[in-house]
């Protein structure tokens, strides 16, 4: 059974930081591209950042320079370090494991940026 279990969401003030983690089980983790998506209230889900098994990364323009995606293949974990958070970063954040036509989703922790 494949599971992606996320943690690290919560409430933070503007300018603050959070780190999201996503632990995978039931997959050959190192083979999967791992992406982070988010869905702001009332909006569509959007790609935030991604990292391949070889650790190539990509970012949405809106988070470049503030967010960092990384992975630890031994721990089957992908991270999203979020710095200089803004109210517009408020969303439900999802991790997504992708290999060819197969993908799996995490449950989506809430991140709220508010004073």
C-alpha atoms as a PDB file:
ATOM      1  CA  UNK A   1       0.000   0.000   0.000  1.00  0.00           C
ATOM      2  CA  UNK A   2       1.362   3.363  -1.044  1.00  0.00           C
ATOM      3  CA  UNK A   3       1.250   6.174   1.466  1.00  0.00           C
ATOM      4  CA  UNK A   4       2.519   9.736   1.434  1.00  0.00           C
ATOM      5  CA  UNK A   5       2.327  11.209   4.917  1.00  0.00           C
ATOM      6  CA  UNK A   6       2.899  14.928   5.256  1.00  0.00           C
ATOM      7  CA  UNK A   7       3.661  17.008   8.295  1.00  0.00           C
ATOM      8  CA  UNK A   8       4.830  20.488   9.236  1.00  0.00           C
ATOM      9  CA  UNK A   9       1.882  22.675   8.324  1.00  0.00           C
ATOM     10  CA  UNK A  10       0.407  25.288  10.617  1.00  0.00           C
ATOM     11  CA  UNK A  11      -0.046  28.974  11.300  1.00  0.00           C
ATOM     12  CA  UNK A  12       2.869  31.365  10.834  1.00  0.00           C
ATOM     13  CA  UNK A  13       3.269  35.134  10.716  1.00  0.00           C
ATOM     14  CA  UNK A  14       4.284  36.907   7.513  1.00  0.00           C
ATOM     15  CA  UNK A  15       8.037  36.712   7.096  1.00  0.00           C
ATOM     16  CA  UNK A  16       8.232  33.475   9.032  1.00  0.00           C
ATOM     17  CA  UNK A  17       9.329  30.006   8.009  1.00  0.00           C
ATOM     18  CA  UNK A  18       7.923  26.509   7.933  1.00  0.00           C
ATOM     19  CA  UNK A  19       9.278  23.185   6.749  1.00  0.00           C
ATOM     20  CA  UNK A  20       6.971  20.589   5.277  1.00  0.00           C
ATOM     21  CA  UNK A  21       7.944  16.922   5.179  1.00  0.00           C
ATOM     22  CA  UNK A  22       6.458  14.104   3.161  1.00  0.00           C
ATOM     23  CA  UNK A  23       7.388  10.525   4.019  1.00  0.00           C
ATOM     24  CA  UNK A  24       6.686   7.881   1.406  1.00  0.00           C
ATOM     25  CA  UNK A  25       6.094   4.174   1.857  1.00  0.00           C
ATOM     26  CA  UNK A  26       5.234   1.413  -0.566  1.00  0.00           C
ATOM     27  CA  UNK A  27       7.190   2.867  -3.502  1.00  0.00           C
ATOM     28  CA  UNK A  28      10.762   2.775  -4.803  1.00  0.00           C
ATOM     29  CA  UNK A  29      11.182   6.337  -3.654  1.00  0.00           C
ATOM     30  CA  UNK A  30      14.445   7.166  -5.420  1.00  0.00           C
ATOM     31  CA  UNK A  31      12.858   6.480  -8.808  1.00  0.00           C
ATOM     32  CA  UNK A  32      10.034   8.961  -8.313  1.00  0.00           C
ATOM     33  CA  UNK A  33       9.943  12.610  -9.103  1.00  0.00           C
ATOM     34  CA  UNK A  34       8.531  14.381  -6.034  1.00  0.00           C
ATOM     35  CA  UNK A  35       6.491  17.534  -6.466  1.00  0.00           C
ATOM     36  CA  UNK A  36       4.855  19.946  -4.062  1.00  0.00           C
ATOM     37  CA  UNK A  37       1.544  21.480  -5.066  1.00  0.00           C
ATOM     38  CA  UNK A  38      -0.686  23.905  -3.245  1.00  0.00           C
ATOM     39  CA  UNK A  39      -4.321  24.924  -3.471  1.00  0.00           C
ATOM     40  CA  UNK A  40      -5.169  28.369  -2.127  1.00  0.00           C
ATOM     41  CA  UNK A  41      -8.741  28.976  -0.936  1.00  0.00           C
ATOM     42  CA  UNK A  42     -11.098  29.226  -3.901  1.00  0.00           C
ATOM     43  CA  UNK A  43      -8.336  28.641  -6.446  1.00  0.00           C
ATOM     44  CA  UNK A  44      -6.970  25.767  -8.517  1.00  0.00           C
ATOM     45  CA  UNK A  45      -4.152  23.547  -7.419  1.00  0.00           C
ATOM     46  CA  UNK A  46      -0.760  24.771  -8.649  1.00  0.00           C
ATOM     47  CA  UNK A  47       2.733  23.326  -8.837  1.00  0.00           C
ATOM     48  CA  UNK A  48       5.078  24.920  -6.318  1.00  0.00           C
ATOM     49  CA  UNK A  49       8.319  22.964  -6.648  1.00  0.00           C
ATOM     50  CA  UNK A  50       9.651  19.641  -7.844  1.00  0.00           C
ATOM     51  CA  UNK A  51      12.725  17.473  -7.461  1.00  0.00           C
ATOM     52  CA  UNK A  52      13.827  14.476  -9.501  1.00  0.00           C
ATOM     53  CA  UNK A  53      15.544  11.379  -8.188  1.00  0.00           C
ATOM     54  CA  UNK A  54      18.781  12.945  -9.397  1.00  0.00           C
ATOM     55  CA  UNK A  55      17.947  16.063  -7.361  1.00  0.00           C
ATOM     56  CA  UNK A  56      17.260  18.408 -10.258  1.00  0.00           C
ATOM     57  CA  UNK A  57      14.810  21.016  -9.033  1.00  0.00           C
ATOM     58  CA  UNK A  58      12.312  23.468 -10.427  1.00  0.00           C
ATOM     59  CA  UNK A  59      10.199  26.172  -8.817  1.00  0.00           C
ATOM     60  CA  UNK A  60       7.199  28.319  -9.546  1.00  0.00           C
ATOM     61  CA  UNK A  61       8.215  31.925 -10.146  1.00  0.00           C
ATOM     62  CA  UNK A  62       6.162  33.003  -7.142  1.00  0.00           C
ATOM     63  CA  UNK A  63       8.354  31.037  -4.715  1.00  0.00           C
ATOM     64  CA  UNK A  64      11.814  31.239  -6.297  1.00  0.00           C
ATOM     65  CA  UNK A  65      14.393  32.424  -3.816  1.00  0.00           C
ATOM     66  CA  UNK A  66      12.071  31.750  -0.849  1.00  0.00           C
ATOM     67  CA  UNK A  67      11.275  28.025  -1.021  1.00  0.00           C
ATOM     68  CA  UNK A  68      13.706  25.122  -1.257  1.00  0.00           C
ATOM     69  CA  UNK A  69      12.791  21.545  -2.127  1.00  0.00           C
ATOM     70  CA  UNK A  70      15.095  18.699  -1.094  1.00  0.00           C
ATOM     71  CA  UNK A  71      14.947  14.976  -0.610  1.00  0.00           C
ATOM     72  CA  UNK A  72      16.563  12.222   1.429  1.00  0.00           C
ATOM     73  CA  UNK A  73      16.238   8.994  -0.508  1.00  0.00           C
ATOM     74  CA  UNK A  74      17.454   6.884   2.415  1.00  0.00           C
ATOM     75  CA  UNK A  75      14.616   8.244   4.560  1.00  0.00           C
ATOM     76  CA  UNK A  76      12.133   8.248   1.659  1.00  0.00           C
ATOM     77  CA  UNK A  77      11.344  11.830   2.525  1.00  0.00           C
ATOM     78  CA  UNK A  78      10.927  15.027   0.544  1.00  0.00           C
ATOM     79  CA  UNK A  79      11.036  18.440   2.208  1.00  0.00           C
ATOM     80  CA  UNK A  80       9.811  21.902   1.356  1.00  0.00           C
ATOM     81  CA  UNK A  81      11.568  24.642   3.279  1.00  0.00           C
ATOM     82  CA  UNK A  82       9.478  27.799   3.084  1.00  0.00           C
ATOM     83  CA  UNK A  83      11.048  31.103   4.117  1.00  0.00           C
ATOM     84  CA  UNK A  84       9.854  34.704   3.957  1.00  0.00           C
ATOM     85  CA  UNK A  85       6.284  33.483   3.904  1.00  0.00           C
ATOM     86  CA  UNK A  86       3.586  35.788   2.614  1.00  0.00           C
ATOM     87  CA  UNK A  87      -0.187  35.770   3.151  1.00  0.00           C
ATOM     88  CA  UNK A  88      -0.602  34.667  -0.452  1.00  0.00           C
ATOM     89  CA  UNK A  89       1.265  31.458   0.394  1.00  0.00           C
ATOM     90  CA  UNK A  90      -1.746  30.396   2.445  1.00  0.00           C
ATOM     91  CA  UNK A  91      -2.976  27.117   0.986  1.00  0.00           C
ATOM     92  CA  UNK A  92      -3.320  23.410   1.439  1.00  0.00           C
ATOM     93  CA  UNK A  93       0.008  21.886   0.396  1.00  0.00           C
ATOM     94  CA  UNK A  94       0.222  18.443  -1.209  1.00  0.00           C
ATOM     95  CA  UNK A  95       3.149  16.235  -2.057  1.00  0.00           C
ATOM     96  CA  UNK A  96       2.925  14.185  -5.231  1.00  0.00           C
ATOM     97  CA  UNK A  97       5.048  11.208  -6.256  1.00  0.00           C
ATOM     98  CA  UNK A  98       5.296  10.705 -10.019  1.00  0.00           C
ATOM     99  CA  UNK A  99       6.758   7.891 -12.103  1.00  0.00           C
ATOM    100  CA  UNK A 100       5.685   7.760 -15.740  1.00  0.00           C
ATOM    101  CA  UNK A 101       1.859   7.595 -15.748  1.00  0.00           C
ATOM    102  CA  UNK A 102       1.596   6.706 -12.065  1.00  0.00           C
ATOM    103  CA  UNK A 103       1.229   9.230  -9.333  1.00  0.00           C
ATOM    104  CA  UNK A 104       0.282   9.330  -5.686  1.00  0.00           C
ATOM    105  CA  UNK A 105      -0.843  12.174  -3.442  1.00  0.00           C
ATOM    106  CA  UNK A 106      -0.425  13.092   0.172  1.00  0.00           C
ATOM    107  CA  UNK A 107      -3.280  14.295   2.349  1.00  0.00           C
ATOM    108  CA  UNK A 108      -2.410  17.966   2.292  1.00  0.00           C
ATOM    109  CA  UNK A 109      -1.496  19.935   5.438  1.00  0.00           C
ATOM    110  CA  UNK A 110      -2.846  23.465   5.795  1.00  0.00           C
ATOM    111  CA  UNK A 111      -0.393  26.347   5.795  1.00  0.00           C
ATOM    112  CA  UNK A 112      -1.790  29.669   6.964  1.00  0.00           C
ATOM    113  CA  UNK A 113       0.260  32.862   6.837  1.00  0.00           C
ATOM    114  CA  UNK A 114      -1.399  35.560   8.873  1.00  0.00           C
ATOM    115  CA  UNK A 115      -0.658  38.121  11.535  1.00  0.00           C
END
